[in-house]
């Protein structure tokens, strides 16, 4: 366990960030799953919101930028195939 007050604070902050990252990552994964389950026009409407969520995860370092690009590419390909 940390002994210095600054180290204790850093541990608290890291725990907060970890929880936030976990929540945002799980929420985005659920949104991706729901988007894949939808069909037709609805998919085109939801796609920009999901892409935005993916971009935010990449910007914050929760996922790698290339993983974000791959996810967005696959979702766009699927959305275009449905049209």
PDB file of N, CA and C in Angstrom:
ATOM      1  N   UNK A   1       0.853  -1.189   0.000  1.00  0.00           N
ATOM      2  CA  UNK A   1       0.000   0.000   0.000  1.00  0.00           C
ATOM      3  C   UNK A   1       0.886   1.237   0.000  1.00  0.00           C
ATOM      4  N   UNK A   2       0.395   2.308  -0.578  1.00  0.00           N
ATOM      5  CA  UNK A   2       1.138   3.558  -0.680  1.00  0.00           C
ATOM      6  C   UNK A   2       1.302   4.202   0.698  1.00  0.00           C
ATOM      7  N   UNK A   3       2.441   4.853   0.884  1.00  0.00           N
ATOM      8  CA  UNK A   3       2.719   5.516   2.157  1.00  0.00           C
ATOM      9  C   UNK A   3       2.619   7.037   2.057  1.00  0.00           C
ATOM     10  N   UNK A   4       3.040   7.606   0.954  1.00  0.00           N
ATOM     11  CA  UNK A   4       2.994   9.059   0.800  1.00  0.00           C
ATOM     12  C   UNK A   4       1.596   9.498   0.375  1.00  0.00           C
ATOM     13  N   UNK A   5       1.241  10.694   0.805  1.00  0.00           N
ATOM     14  CA  UNK A   5      -0.100  11.177   0.492  1.00  0.00           C
ATOM     15  C   UNK A   5      -0.289  11.355  -1.015  1.00  0.00           C
ATOM     16  N   UNK A   6       0.757  11.787  -1.716  1.00  0.00           N
ATOM     17  CA  UNK A   6       0.657  11.973  -3.166  1.00  0.00           C
ATOM     18  C   UNK A   6       0.449  10.629  -3.862  1.00  0.00           C
ATOM     19  N   UNK A   7       1.091   9.591  -3.348  1.00  0.00           N
ATOM     20  CA  UNK A   7       0.947   8.262  -3.946  1.00  0.00           C
ATOM     21  C   UNK A   7      -0.445   7.705  -3.671  1.00  0.00           C
ATOM     22  N   UNK A   8      -0.978   7.986  -2.507  1.00  0.00           N
ATOM     23  CA  UNK A   8      -2.337   7.549  -2.188  1.00  0.00           C
ATOM     24  C   UNK A   8      -3.341   8.236  -3.112  1.00  0.00           C
ATOM     25  N   UNK A   9      -3.129   9.537  -3.324  1.00  0.00           N
ATOM     26  CA  UNK A   9      -4.013  10.282  -4.210  1.00  0.00           C
ATOM     27  C   UNK A   9      -3.929   9.727  -5.629  1.00  0.00           C
ATOM     28  N   UNK A  10      -2.708   9.429  -6.082  1.00  0.00           N
ATOM     29  CA  UNK A  10      -2.522   8.872  -7.426  1.00  0.00           C
ATOM     30  C   UNK A  10      -3.249   7.538  -7.557  1.00  0.00           C
ATOM     31  N   UNK A  11      -3.220   6.724  -6.510  1.00  0.00           N
ATOM     32  CA  UNK A  11      -3.921   5.436  -6.543  1.00  0.00           C
ATOM     33  C   UNK A  11      -5.428   5.641  -6.631  1.00  0.00           C
ATOM     34  N   UNK A  12      -5.944   6.644  -5.902  1.00  0.00           N
ATOM     35  CA  UNK A  12      -7.376   6.951  -5.972  1.00  0.00           C
ATOM     36  C   UNK A  12      -7.765   7.423  -7.366  1.00  0.00           C
ATOM     37  N   UNK A  13      -6.941   8.294  -7.939  1.00  0.00           N
ATOM     38  CA  UNK A  13      -7.226   8.806  -9.278  1.00  0.00           C
ATOM     39  C   UNK A  13      -7.181   7.687 -10.319  1.00  0.00           C
ATOM     40  N   UNK A  14      -6.198   6.795 -10.180  1.00  0.00           N
ATOM     41  CA  UNK A  14      -6.072   5.683 -11.129  1.00  0.00           C
ATOM     42  C   UNK A  14      -7.292   4.775 -11.051  1.00  0.00           C
ATOM     43  N   UNK A  15      -7.791   4.538  -9.842  1.00  0.00           N
ATOM     44  CA  UNK A  15      -8.973   3.695  -9.672  1.00  0.00           C
ATOM     45  C   UNK A  15     -10.193   4.341 -10.329  1.00  0.00           C
ATOM     46  N   UNK A  16     -10.315   5.670 -10.163  1.00  0.00           N
ATOM     47  CA  UNK A  16     -11.428   6.400 -10.777  1.00  0.00           C
ATOM     48  C   UNK A  16     -11.364   6.321 -12.294  1.00  0.00           C
ATOM     49  N   UNK A  17     -10.162   6.541 -12.836  1.00  0.00           N
ATOM     50  CA  UNK A  17      -9.983   6.481 -14.294  1.00  0.00           C
ATOM     51  C   UNK A  17     -10.260   5.085 -14.818  1.00  0.00           C
ATOM     52  N   UNK A  18      -9.811   4.069 -14.076  1.00  0.00           N
ATOM     53  CA  UNK A  18     -10.017   2.678 -14.497  1.00  0.00           C
ATOM     54  C   UNK A  18     -11.506   2.361 -14.571  1.00  0.00           C
ATOM     55  N   UNK A  19     -12.254   2.781 -13.553  1.00  0.00           N
ATOM     56  CA  UNK A  19     -13.704   2.554 -13.547  1.00  0.00           C
ATOM     57  C   UNK A  19     -14.384   3.277 -14.712  1.00  0.00           C
ATOM     58  N   UNK A  20     -13.975   4.524 -14.953  1.00  0.00           N
ATOM     59  CA  UNK A  20     -14.559   5.306 -16.042  1.00  0.00           C
ATOM     60  C   UNK A  20     -14.250   4.666 -17.390  1.00  0.00           C
ATOM     61  N   UNK A  21     -12.999   4.239 -17.577  1.00  0.00           N
ATOM     62  CA  UNK A  21     -12.608   3.600 -18.827  1.00  0.00           C
ATOM     63  C   UNK A  21     -13.357   2.292 -19.046  1.00  0.00           C
ATOM     64  N   UNK A  22     -13.530   1.535 -17.954  1.00  0.00           N
ATOM     65  CA  UNK A  22     -14.247   0.265 -18.040  1.00  0.00           C
ATOM     66  C   UNK A  22     -15.701   0.500 -18.446  1.00  0.00           C
ATOM     67  N   UNK A  23     -16.320   1.496 -17.830  1.00  0.00           N
ATOM     68  CA  UNK A  23     -17.711   1.816 -18.142  1.00  0.00           C
ATOM     69  C   UNK A  23     -17.849   2.254 -19.597  1.00  0.00           C
ATOM     70  N   UNK A  24     -16.995   3.193 -20.036  1.00  0.00           N
ATOM     71  CA  UNK A  24     -17.081   3.692 -21.401  1.00  0.00           C
ATOM     72  C   UNK A  24     -16.793   2.591 -22.417  1.00  0.00           C
ATOM     73  N   UNK A  25     -15.831   1.735 -22.126  1.00  0.00           N
ATOM     74  CA  UNK A  25     -15.507   0.643 -23.039  1.00  0.00           C
ATOM     75  C   UNK A  25     -16.650  -0.340 -23.156  1.00  0.00           C
ATOM     76  N   UNK A  26     -17.261  -0.694 -22.041  1.00  0.00           N
ATOM     77  CA  UNK A  26     -18.369  -1.646 -22.048  1.00  0.00           C
ATOM     78  C   UNK A  26     -19.586  -1.051 -22.755  1.00  0.00           C
ATOM     79  N   UNK A  27     -19.854   0.229 -22.495  1.00  0.00           N
ATOM     80  CA  UNK A  27     -20.982   0.894 -23.138  1.00  0.00           C
ATOM     81  C   UNK A  27     -20.807   0.917 -24.653  1.00  0.00           C
ATOM     82  N   UNK A  28     -19.580   1.178 -25.092  1.00  0.00           N
ATOM     83  CA  UNK A  28     -19.308   1.208 -26.531  1.00  0.00           C
ATOM     84  C   UNK A  28     -19.441  -0.177 -27.139  1.00  0.00           C
ATOM     85  N   UNK A  29     -18.932  -1.194 -26.448  1.00  0.00           N
ATOM     86  CA  UNK A  29     -19.063  -2.572 -26.955  1.00  0.00           C
ATOM     87  C   UNK A  29     -20.530  -2.966 -27.082  1.00  0.00           C
ATOM     88  N   UNK A  30     -21.350  -2.562 -26.117  1.00  0.00           N
ATOM     89  CA  UNK A  30     -22.783  -2.849 -26.192  1.00  0.00           C
ATOM     90  C   UNK A  30     -23.428  -2.118 -27.367  1.00  0.00           C
ATOM     91  N   UNK A  31     -23.005  -0.868 -27.588  1.00  0.00           N
ATOM     92  CA  UNK A  31     -23.559  -0.096 -28.704  1.00  0.00           C
ATOM     93  C   UNK A  31     -23.177  -0.742 -30.034  1.00  0.00           C
ATOM     94  N   UNK A  32     -21.949  -1.250 -30.137  1.00  0.00           N
ATOM     95  CA  UNK A  32     -21.501  -1.932 -31.355  1.00  0.00           C
ATOM     96  C   UNK A  32     -22.326  -3.195 -31.569  1.00  0.00           C
ATOM     97  N   UNK A  33     -22.536  -3.947 -30.501  1.00  0.00           N
ATOM     98  CA  UNK A  33     -23.331  -5.172 -30.590  1.00  0.00           C
ATOM     99  C   UNK A  33     -24.755  -4.859 -31.045  1.00  0.00           C
ATOM    100  N   UNK A  34     -25.352  -3.824 -30.467  1.00  0.00           N
ATOM    101  CA  UNK A  34     -26.713  -3.437 -30.842  1.00  0.00           C
ATOM    102  C   UNK A  34     -26.770  -2.959 -32.288  1.00  0.00           C
ATOM    103  N   UNK A  35     -25.733  -2.235 -32.714  1.00  0.00           N
ATOM    104  CA  UNK A  35     -25.695  -1.748 -34.089  1.00  0.00           C
ATOM    105  C   UNK A  35     -25.616  -2.907 -35.074  1.00  0.00           C
ATOM    106  N   UNK A  36     -24.821  -3.905 -34.757  1.00  0.00           N
ATOM    107  CA  UNK A  36     -24.705  -5.068 -35.637  1.00  0.00           C
ATOM    108  C   UNK A  36     -26.028  -5.833 -35.720  1.00  0.00           C
ATOM    109  N   UNK A  37     -26.818  -5.788 -34.664  1.00  0.00           N
ATOM    110  CA  UNK A  37     -28.082  -6.515 -34.634  1.00  0.00           C
ATOM    111  C   UNK A  37     -29.172  -5.801 -35.436  1.00  0.00           C
ATOM    112  N   UNK A  38     -29.031  -4.475 -35.622  1.00  0.00           N
ATOM    113  CA  UNK A  38     -30.061  -3.733 -36.349  1.00  0.00           C
ATOM    114  C   UNK A  38     -29.892  -3.906 -37.854  1.00  0.00           C
ATOM    115  N   UNK A  39     -30.946  -3.598 -38.568  1.00  0.00           N
ATOM    116  CA  UNK A  39     -30.905  -3.712 -40.026  1.00  0.00           C
ATOM    117  C   UNK A  39     -31.561  -2.498 -40.647  1.00  0.00           C
ATOM    118  N   UNK A  40     -31.263  -2.283 -41.888  1.00  0.00           N
ATOM    119  CA  UNK A  40     -31.933  -1.253 -42.671  1.00  0.00           C
ATOM    120  C   UNK A  40     -31.523   0.162 -42.326  1.00  0.00           C
ATOM    121  N   UNK A  41     -32.482   1.061 -42.424  1.00  0.00           N
ATOM    122  CA  UNK A  41     -32.237   2.496 -42.270  1.00  0.00           C
ATOM    123  C   UNK A  41     -31.769   2.838 -40.860  1.00  0.00           C
ATOM    124  N   UNK A  42     -32.247   2.069 -39.910  1.00  0.00           N
ATOM    125  CA  UNK A  42     -31.891   2.306 -38.513  1.00  0.00           C
ATOM    126  C   UNK A  42     -30.382   2.237 -38.298  1.00  0.00           C
ATOM    127  N   UNK A  43     -29.722   1.338 -39.015  1.00  0.00           N
ATOM    128  CA  UNK A  43     -28.276   1.170 -38.878  1.00  0.00           C
ATOM    129  C   UNK A  43     -27.540   2.431 -39.326  1.00  0.00           C
ATOM    130  N   UNK A  44     -27.988   3.034 -40.413  1.00  0.00           N
ATOM    131  CA  UNK A  44     -27.368   4.259 -40.906  1.00  0.00           C
ATOM    132  C   UNK A  44     -27.526   5.424 -39.951  1.00  0.00           C
ATOM    133  N   UNK A  45     -28.620   5.426 -39.205  1.00  0.00           N
ATOM    134  CA  UNK A  45     -28.863   6.502 -38.249  1.00  0.00           C
ATOM    135  C   UNK A  45     -28.017   6.348 -36.994  1.00  0.00           C
ATOM    136  N   UNK A  46     -27.793   5.112 -36.564  1.00  0.00           N
ATOM    137  CA  UNK A  46     -27.034   4.867 -35.341  1.00  0.00           C
ATOM    138  C   UNK A  46     -25.525   4.888 -35.563  1.00  0.00           C
ATOM    139  N   UNK A  47     -25.081   4.660 -36.795  1.00  0.00           N
ATOM    140  CA  UNK A  47     -23.657   4.535 -37.091  1.00  0.00           C
ATOM    141  C   UNK A  47     -22.826   5.744 -36.646  1.00  0.00           C
ATOM    142  N   UNK A  48     -23.230   6.995 -36.938  1.00  0.00           N
ATOM    143  CA  UNK A  48     -22.400   8.136 -36.521  1.00  0.00           C
ATOM    144  C   UNK A  48     -22.201   8.217 -35.007  1.00  0.00           C
ATOM    145  N   UNK A  49     -23.229   7.869 -34.233  1.00  0.00           N
ATOM    146  CA  UNK A  49     -23.100   7.907 -32.774  1.00  0.00           C
ATOM    147  C   UNK A  49     -22.099   6.874 -32.279  1.00  0.00           C
ATOM    148  N   UNK A  50     -22.154   5.681 -32.839  1.00  0.00           N
ATOM    149  CA  UNK A  50     -21.245   4.615 -32.423  1.00  0.00           C
ATOM    150  C   UNK A  50     -19.819   4.952 -32.847  1.00  0.00           C
ATOM    151  N   UNK A  51     -19.656   5.506 -34.050  1.00  0.00           N
ATOM    152  CA  UNK A  51     -18.323   5.901 -34.494  1.00  0.00           C
ATOM    153  C   UNK A  51     -17.747   6.978 -33.585  1.00  0.00           C
ATOM    154  N   UNK A  52     -18.584   7.875 -33.132  1.00  0.00           N
ATOM    155  CA  UNK A  52     -18.141   8.916 -32.206  1.00  0.00           C
ATOM    156  C   UNK A  52     -17.666   8.314 -30.884  1.00  0.00           C
ATOM    157  N   UNK A  53     -18.394   7.324 -30.395  1.00  0.00           N
ATOM    158  CA  UNK A  53     -17.993   6.654 -29.154  1.00  0.00           C
ATOM    159  C   UNK A  53     -16.645   5.964 -29.325  1.00  0.00           C
ATOM    160  N   UNK A  54     -16.451   5.329 -30.469  1.00  0.00           N
ATOM    161  CA  UNK A  54     -15.193   4.637 -30.746  1.00  0.00           C
ATOM    162  C   UNK A  54     -14.042   5.644 -30.815  1.00  0.00           C
ATOM    163  N   UNK A  55     -14.284   6.782 -31.474  1.00  0.00           N
ATOM    164  CA  UNK A  55     -13.254   7.815 -31.568  1.00  0.00           C
ATOM    165  C   UNK A  55     -12.858   8.346 -30.202  1.00  0.00           C
ATOM    166  N   UNK A  56     -13.829   8.518 -29.320  1.00  0.00           N
ATOM    167  CA  UNK A  56     -13.538   9.016 -27.983  1.00  0.00           C
ATOM    168  C   UNK A  56     -12.679   8.029 -27.200  1.00  0.00           C
ATOM    169  N   UNK A  57     -12.965   6.730 -27.354  1.00  0.00           N
ATOM    170  CA  UNK A  57     -12.150   5.724 -26.676  1.00  0.00           C
ATOM    171  C   UNK A  57     -10.717   5.769 -27.178  1.00  0.00           C
ATOM    172  N   UNK A  58     -10.548   5.932 -28.480  1.00  0.00           N
ATOM    173  CA  UNK A  58      -9.201   5.986 -29.053  1.00  0.00           C
ATOM    174  C   UNK A  58      -8.475   7.244 -28.601  1.00  0.00           C
ATOM    175  N   UNK A  59      -9.196   8.357 -28.548  1.00  0.00           N
ATOM    176  CA  UNK A  59      -8.589   9.625 -28.140  1.00  0.00           C
ATOM    177  C   UNK A  59      -8.098   9.556 -26.694  1.00  0.00           C
ATOM    178  N   UNK A  60      -8.847   8.877 -25.854  1.00  0.00           N
ATOM    179  CA  UNK A  60      -8.499   8.783 -24.432  1.00  0.00           C
ATOM    180  C   UNK A  60      -7.520   7.652 -24.137  1.00  0.00           C
ATOM    181  N   UNK A  61      -7.191   6.861 -25.164  1.00  0.00           N
ATOM    182  CA  UNK A  61      -6.204   5.804 -24.968  1.00  0.00           C
ATOM    183  C   UNK A  61      -6.764   4.514 -24.411  1.00  0.00           C
ATOM    184  N   UNK A  62      -8.084   4.370 -24.403  1.00  0.00           N
ATOM    185  CA  UNK A  62      -8.687   3.134 -23.908  1.00  0.00           C
ATOM    186  C   UNK A  62      -8.470   2.017 -24.921  1.00  0.00           C
ATOM    187  N   UNK A  63      -8.598   2.354 -26.210  1.00  0.00           N
ATOM    188  CA  UNK A  63      -8.284   1.398 -27.271  1.00  0.00           C
ATOM    189  C   UNK A  63      -7.279   2.057 -28.211  1.00  0.00           C
ATOM    190  N   UNK A  64      -6.570   1.253 -28.964  1.00  0.00           N
ATOM    191  CA  UNK A  64      -5.572   1.766 -29.897  1.00  0.00           C
ATOM    192  C   UNK A  64      -6.254   2.413 -31.089  1.00  0.00           C
ATOM    193  N   UNK A  65      -5.603   3.423 -31.665  1.00  0.00           N
ATOM    194  CA  UNK A  65      -6.215   4.144 -32.786  1.00  0.00           C
ATOM    195  C   UNK A  65      -6.443   3.242 -33.997  1.00  0.00           C
ATOM    196  N   UNK A  66      -5.563   2.253 -34.206  1.00  0.00           N
ATOM    197  CA  UNK A  66      -5.760   1.343 -35.337  1.00  0.00           C
ATOM    198  C   UNK A  66      -6.943   0.407 -35.095  1.00  0.00           C
ATOM    199  N   UNK A  67      -7.135   0.005 -33.848  1.00  0.00           N
ATOM    200  CA  UNK A  67      -8.297  -0.828 -33.520  1.00  0.00           C
ATOM    201  C   UNK A  67      -9.577  -0.036 -33.773  1.00  0.00           C
ATOM    202  N   UNK A  68      -9.548   1.248 -33.399  1.00  0.00           N
ATOM    203  CA  UNK A  68     -10.712   2.106 -33.636  1.00  0.00           C
ATOM    204  C   UNK A  68     -10.996   2.217 -35.128  1.00  0.00           C
ATOM    205  N   UNK A  69      -9.948   2.392 -35.922  1.00  0.00           N
ATOM    206  CA  UNK A  69     -10.121   2.508 -37.369  1.00  0.00           C
ATOM    207  C   UNK A  69     -10.682   1.212 -37.948  1.00  0.00           C
ATOM    208  N   UNK A  70     -10.189   0.067 -37.460  1.00  0.00           N
ATOM    209  CA  UNK A  70     -10.682  -1.222 -37.946  1.00  0.00           C
ATOM    210  C   UNK A  70     -12.151  -1.426 -37.592  1.00  0.00           C
ATOM    211  N   UNK A  71     -12.523  -1.080 -36.357  1.00  0.00           N
ATOM    212  CA  UNK A  71     -13.921  -1.216 -35.940  1.00  0.00           C
ATOM    213  C   UNK A  71     -14.832  -0.351 -36.805  1.00  0.00           C
ATOM    214  N   UNK A  72     -14.442   0.906 -36.995  1.00  0.00           N
ATOM    215  CA  UNK A  72     -15.259   1.827 -37.779  1.00  0.00           C
ATOM    216  C   UNK A  72     -15.383   1.351 -39.224  1.00  0.00           C
ATOM    217  N   UNK A  73     -14.277   0.835 -39.773  1.00  0.00           N
ATOM    218  CA  UNK A  73     -14.289   0.356 -41.146  1.00  0.00           C
ATOM    219  C   UNK A  73     -15.237  -0.822 -41.312  1.00  0.00           C
ATOM    220  N   UNK A  74     -15.175  -1.764 -40.378  1.00  0.00           N
ATOM    221  CA  UNK A  74     -16.043  -2.942 -40.451  1.00  0.00           C
ATOM    222  C   UNK A  74     -17.513  -2.558 -40.311  1.00  0.00           C
ATOM    223  N   UNK A  75     -17.797  -1.626 -39.400  1.00  0.00           N
ATOM    224  CA  UNK A  75     -19.183  -1.203 -39.205  1.00  0.00           C
ATOM    225  C   UNK A  75     -19.704  -0.455 -40.438  1.00  0.00           C
ATOM    226  N   UNK A  76     -18.857   0.381 -41.033  1.00  0.00           N
ATOM    227  CA  UNK A  76     -19.270   1.115 -42.225  1.00  0.00           C
ATOM    228  C   UNK A  76     -19.516   0.161 -43.386  1.00  0.00           C
ATOM    229  N   UNK A  77     -18.654  -0.844 -43.509  1.00  0.00           N
ATOM    230  CA  UNK A  77     -18.820  -1.827 -44.574  1.00  0.00           C
ATOM    231  C   UNK A  77     -20.142  -2.568 -44.400  1.00  0.00           C
ATOM    232  N   UNK A  78     -20.447  -2.948 -43.154  1.00  0.00           N
ATOM    233  CA  UNK A  78     -21.692  -3.658 -42.884  1.00  0.00           C
ATOM    234  C   UNK A  78     -22.905  -2.758 -43.154  1.00  0.00           C
ATOM    235  N   UNK A  79     -22.796  -1.483 -42.764  1.00  0.00           N
ATOM    236  CA  UNK A  79     -23.904  -0.547 -42.988  1.00  0.00           C
ATOM    237  C   UNK A  79     -24.131  -0.324 -44.484  1.00  0.00           C
ATOM    238  N   UNK A  80     -23.063  -0.236 -45.252  1.00  0.00           N
ATOM    239  CA  UNK A  80     -23.202  -0.034 -46.698  1.00  0.00           C
ATOM    240  C   UNK A  80     -23.768  -1.281 -47.386  1.00  0.00           C
ATOM    241  N   UNK A  81     -23.432  -2.447 -46.867  1.00  0.00           N
ATOM    242  CA  UNK A  81     -23.949  -3.687 -47.444  1.00  0.00           C
ATOM    243  C   UNK A  81     -25.452  -3.810 -47.201  1.00  0.00           C
ATOM    244  N   UNK A  82     -25.922  -3.283 -46.087  1.00  0.00           N
ATOM    245  CA  UNK A  82     -27.342  -3.372 -45.746  1.00  0.00           C
ATOM    246  C   UNK A  82     -28.174  -2.456 -46.646  1.00  0.00           C
ATOM    247  N   UNK A  83     -27.590  -1.329 -47.045  1.00  0.00           N
ATOM    248  CA  UNK A  83     -28.344  -0.344 -47.851  1.00  0.00           C
ATOM    249  C   UNK A  83     -28.838  -0.899 -49.149  1.00  0.00           C
TER     250      UNK A  83
END
